[in-house]
Each structure stands twice: as C-alpha cells, then as structure tokens.
Amino acid sequence: QVQLVESGGGLVPAGESLRLSCTASGGLLIGYSMGWFRRSPGKDREFVATTYSTAGTTHYRDSVKGRFTISRDYDKKMVFLQMSNLEPEDTAVYYCAAGRIGGTTTYDYTYWGQGTQVTVSS
C-alpha cells in the first residue's frame, strides 16, 4: 500500500515561487506515473502536471506551462512541483497522486495524498 504525503505549501505573494514535495512510503514507485492535481474552493479537482513512468515525459495544463516543473527522485521516492511566477489563480489545495497509467484525469491514479494548501496573494 503506497502512502503519499505532500509538503511545501504556504502563503506567498504573486510572482513568487514555491516548491512542493511528495514523499512516498509503503511501496515502490518504479513503474508508476506521478501527477499533481489541485482543487480551488467551489471547483472540482483539476489536473496540473504529470510525469509518465514509461517514457519519462511530462505534461502540464496550459495555464501552468512555462511556470511549473514536475520532477521525481526515484531513489528518495519523491516527486516535486516547482512553481514559479505564482498567480492568485493558482491558490488551491495541491494533491500528489500515483498511478500505473497516469494521465490528466483523477481516474488515472490509484493513490492520493492528503494535500497541501497553496495561497497566492495579489
């Protein structure tokens, strides 16, 4: 049973950066694609970024391209989301997820963390 724990959230002014971390325990992440999702108040959970296990490729939602970078450390069983030039619209709870297939929908992932709050002030 894989368990995921996010950290690194906080309150920052617009234009600043944050780095989110996701630490896995209870199992190996080799063969799993890793993703980041977020949920803003009153909205559904939405895809942010993913890194696919098979080809090592990454994919981002359009609004974060060029500002966010997803990466992973297999040895440490960690996944990161480097967020730069943050905007108030990025305010949300950010979730880490792991799945055999990976993708842009929540159905593509099996394991989820509890989330970490990111608040960007204007």
C-alpha atoms as a PDB file:
ATOM      1  CA  GLN A   1       0.000   0.000   0.000  1.00  0.00           C
ATOM      2  CA  VAL A   2       1.564   3.240  -1.187  1.00  0.00           C
ATOM      3  CA  GLN A   3       1.128   6.296   1.010  1.00  0.00           C
ATOM      4  CA  LEU A   4       1.806   9.805  -0.255  1.00  0.00           C
ATOM      5  CA  VAL A   5       2.493  12.871   1.872  1.00  0.00           C
ATOM      6  CA  GLU A   6       2.741  16.368   0.428  1.00  0.00           C
ATOM      7  CA  SER A   7       4.637  19.296   1.906  1.00  0.00           C
ATOM      8  CA  GLY A   8       5.887  22.730   0.935  1.00  0.00           C
ATOM      9  CA  GLY A   9       2.655  24.669   0.665  1.00  0.00           C
ATOM     10  CA  GLY A  10       2.240  28.121   2.121  1.00  0.00           C
ATOM     11  CA  LEU A  11       1.207  31.738   1.639  1.00  0.00           C
ATOM     12  CA  VAL A  12       3.207  33.746  -0.888  1.00  0.00           C
ATOM     13  CA  PRO A  13       2.681  36.991  -2.801  1.00  0.00           C
ATOM     14  CA  ALA A  14       2.022  36.896  -6.523  1.00  0.00           C
ATOM     15  CA  GLY A  15       5.172  36.467  -8.586  1.00  0.00           C
ATOM     16  CA  GLU A  16       6.970  34.391  -6.001  1.00  0.00           C
ATOM     17  CA  SER A  17       7.889  30.686  -6.087  1.00  0.00           C
ATOM     18  CA  LEU A  18       7.164  27.566  -4.082  1.00  0.00           C
ATOM     19  CA  ARG A  19       8.405  24.027  -4.296  1.00  0.00           C
ATOM     20  CA  LEU A  20       6.020  21.248  -3.350  1.00  0.00           C
ATOM     21  CA  SER A  21       7.316  17.842  -2.350  1.00  0.00           C
ATOM     22  CA  CYS A  22       5.607  14.480  -2.242  1.00  0.00           C
ATOM     23  CA  THR A  23       7.141  11.617  -0.300  1.00  0.00           C
ATOM     24  CA  ALA A  24       6.043   8.035  -0.877  1.00  0.00           C
ATOM     25  CA  SER A  25       6.176   5.234   1.649  1.00  0.00           C
ATOM     26  CA  GLY A  26       4.939   1.695   1.919  1.00  0.00           C
ATOM     27  CA  GLY A  27       5.870   0.706  -1.606  1.00  0.00           C
ATOM     28  CA  LEU A  28       7.990   1.341  -4.660  1.00  0.00           C
ATOM     29  CA  LEU A  29       7.128   3.990  -7.207  1.00  0.00           C
ATOM     30  CA  ILE A  30       9.014   2.358 -10.036  1.00  0.00           C
ATOM     31  CA  GLY A  31       6.527   1.781 -12.817  1.00  0.00           C
ATOM     32  CA  TYR A  32       4.137   4.412 -11.502  1.00  0.00           C
ATOM     33  CA  SER A  33       3.370   7.668 -13.199  1.00  0.00           C
ATOM     34  CA  MET A  34       3.158  10.592 -10.787  1.00  0.00           C
ATOM     35  CA  GLY A  35       0.845  13.547 -11.013  1.00  0.00           C
ATOM     36  CA  TRP A  36      -0.106  16.769  -9.284  1.00  0.00           C
ATOM     37  CA  PHE A  37      -3.690  17.974  -9.096  1.00  0.00           C
ATOM     38  CA  ARG A  38      -5.290  20.921  -7.335  1.00  0.00           C
ATOM     39  CA  ARG A  39      -8.692  21.964  -6.064  1.00  0.00           C
ATOM     40  CA  SER A  40      -9.785  25.541  -5.593  1.00  0.00           C
ATOM     41  CA  PRO A  41     -12.808  26.458  -3.453  1.00  0.00           C
ATOM     42  CA  GLY A  42     -16.016  25.664  -5.305  1.00  0.00           C
ATOM     43  CA  LYS A  43     -14.242  23.802  -8.089  1.00  0.00           C
ATOM     44  CA  ASP A  44     -13.515  20.198  -8.958  1.00  0.00           C
ATOM     45  CA  ARG A  45     -10.066  18.731  -8.607  1.00  0.00           C
ATOM     46  CA  GLU A  46      -8.115  19.578 -11.755  1.00  0.00           C
ATOM     47  CA  PHE A  47      -5.010  18.243 -13.411  1.00  0.00           C
ATOM     48  CA  VAL A  48      -1.805  20.270 -13.053  1.00  0.00           C
ATOM     49  CA  ALA A  49       1.136  18.141 -14.186  1.00  0.00           C
ATOM     50  CA  THR A  50       2.264  14.564 -14.654  1.00  0.00           C
ATOM     51  CA  THR A  51       5.441  12.643 -15.274  1.00  0.00           C
ATOM     52  CA  TYR A  52       4.961   9.319 -17.016  1.00  0.00           C
ATOM     53  CA  SER A  53       6.925   6.316 -15.808  1.00  0.00           C
ATOM     54  CA  THR A  54       7.295   4.650 -19.204  1.00  0.00           C
ATOM     55  CA  ALA A  55       8.908   7.369 -21.276  1.00  0.00           C
ATOM     56  CA  GLY A  56       9.752   9.837 -18.542  1.00  0.00           C
ATOM     57  CA  THR A  57       7.845  12.503 -20.396  1.00  0.00           C
ATOM     58  CA  THR A  58       5.922  15.287 -18.711  1.00  0.00           C
ATOM     59  CA  HIS A  59       2.663  17.016 -19.423  1.00  0.00           C
ATOM     60  CA  TYR A  60       1.148  20.207 -17.995  1.00  0.00           C
ATOM     61  CA  ARG A  61      -2.131  22.022 -18.046  1.00  0.00           C
ATOM     62  CA  ASP A  62      -1.905  25.041 -20.322  1.00  0.00           C
ATOM     63  CA  SER A  63      -2.183  27.663 -17.597  1.00  0.00           C
ATOM     64  CA  VAL A  64       0.968  26.467 -15.803  1.00  0.00           C
ATOM     65  CA  LYS A  65       3.196  25.720 -18.790  1.00  0.00           C
ATOM     66  CA  GLY A  66       6.450  27.617 -18.513  1.00  0.00           C
ATOM     67  CA  ARG A  67       5.865  28.335 -14.816  1.00  0.00           C
ATOM     68  CA  PHE A  68       5.621  24.884 -13.191  1.00  0.00           C
ATOM     69  CA  THR A  69       8.042  21.971 -13.444  1.00  0.00           C
ATOM     70  CA  ILE A  70       7.411  18.423 -12.247  1.00  0.00           C
ATOM     71  CA  SER A  71      10.330  16.154 -11.397  1.00  0.00           C
ATOM     72  CA  ARG A  72      10.979  12.989  -9.450  1.00  0.00           C
ATOM     73  CA  ASP A  73      13.741  11.312  -7.479  1.00  0.00           C
ATOM     74  CA  TYR A  74      13.389   7.534  -7.741  1.00  0.00           C
ATOM     75  CA  ASP A  75      15.994   6.812  -5.072  1.00  0.00           C
ATOM     76  CA  LYS A  76      14.276   9.022  -2.491  1.00  0.00           C
ATOM     77  CA  LYS A  77      10.780   8.081  -3.702  1.00  0.00           C
ATOM     78  CA  MET A  78       9.887  11.730  -4.031  1.00  0.00           C
ATOM     79  CA  VAL A  79       8.129  13.894  -6.566  1.00  0.00           C
ATOM     80  CA  PHE A  80       8.409  17.649  -6.770  1.00  0.00           C
ATOM     81  CA  LEU A  81       6.456  20.508  -8.259  1.00  0.00           C
ATOM     82  CA  GLN A  82       8.486  23.663  -8.713  1.00  0.00           C
ATOM     83  CA  MET A  83       6.087  26.583  -9.094  1.00  0.00           C
ATOM     84  CA  SER A  84       7.357  29.947 -10.267  1.00  0.00           C
ATOM     85  CA  ASN A  85       5.724  33.275 -11.016  1.00  0.00           C
ATOM     86  CA  LEU A  86       2.714  32.249  -8.975  1.00  0.00           C
ATOM     87  CA  GLU A  87      -0.629  33.901  -9.623  1.00  0.00           C
ATOM     88  CA  PRO A  88      -3.645  34.316  -7.316  1.00  0.00           C
ATOM     89  CA  GLU A  89      -5.467  31.876  -9.617  1.00  0.00           C
ATOM     90  CA  ASP A  90      -3.005  29.180  -8.504  1.00  0.00           C
ATOM     91  CA  THR A  91      -4.464  29.277  -4.994  1.00  0.00           C
ATOM     92  CA  ALA A  92      -5.677  25.766  -4.189  1.00  0.00           C
ATOM     93  CA  VAL A  93      -5.039  22.594  -2.258  1.00  0.00           C
ATOM     94  CA  TYR A  94      -2.440  20.644  -4.200  1.00  0.00           C
ATOM     95  CA  TYR A  95      -2.522  16.848  -4.272  1.00  0.00           C
ATOM     96  CA  CYS A  96       0.107  14.324  -5.238  1.00  0.00           C
ATOM     97  CA  ALA A  97      -1.052  11.137  -6.981  1.00  0.00           C
ATOM     98  CA  ALA A  98       0.419   7.859  -8.224  1.00  0.00           C
ATOM     99  CA  GLY A  99      -0.948   5.525 -10.853  1.00  0.00           C
ATOM    100  CA  ARG A 100       0.193   2.716 -13.123  1.00  0.00           C
ATOM    101  CA  ILE A 101      -1.032   4.518 -16.223  1.00  0.00           C
ATOM    102  CA  GLY A 102      -1.004   8.191 -15.333  1.00  0.00           C
ATOM    103  CA  GLY A 103      -2.825  10.835 -17.259  1.00  0.00           C
ATOM    104  CA  THR A 104      -4.828  14.007 -16.879  1.00  0.00           C
ATOM    105  CA  THR A 105      -7.878  12.722 -15.027  1.00  0.00           C
ATOM    106  CA  THR A 106      -8.311  11.603 -11.442  1.00  0.00           C
ATOM    107  CA  TYR A 107      -9.353   8.161 -12.711  1.00  0.00           C
ATOM    108  CA  ASP A 108      -5.809   7.590 -13.979  1.00  0.00           C
ATOM    109  CA  TYR A 109      -4.407   7.491 -10.443  1.00  0.00           C
ATOM    110  CA  THR A 110      -4.760   4.981  -7.629  1.00  0.00           C
ATOM    111  CA  TYR A 111      -3.033   6.580  -4.669  1.00  0.00           C
ATOM    112  CA  TRP A 112      -3.513  10.105  -3.342  1.00  0.00           C
ATOM    113  CA  GLY A 113      -2.013  12.301  -0.679  1.00  0.00           C
ATOM    114  CA  GLN A 114      -3.985  14.480   1.713  1.00  0.00           C
ATOM    115  CA  GLY A 115      -2.987  17.731   0.031  1.00  0.00           C
ATOM    116  CA  THR A 116      -1.080  20.870   0.899  1.00  0.00           C
ATOM    117  CA  GLN A 117      -2.517  24.386   0.788  1.00  0.00           C
ATOM    118  CA  VAL A 118      -1.026  26.976  -1.540  1.00  0.00           C
ATOM    119  CA  THR A 119      -2.286  30.535  -1.203  1.00  0.00           C
ATOM    120  CA  VAL A 120      -1.099  33.287  -3.519  1.00  0.00           C
ATOM    121  CA  SER A 121      -1.941  36.841  -2.509  1.00  0.00           C
ATOM    122  CA  SER A 122      -2.426  39.621  -5.019  1.00  0.00           C
END
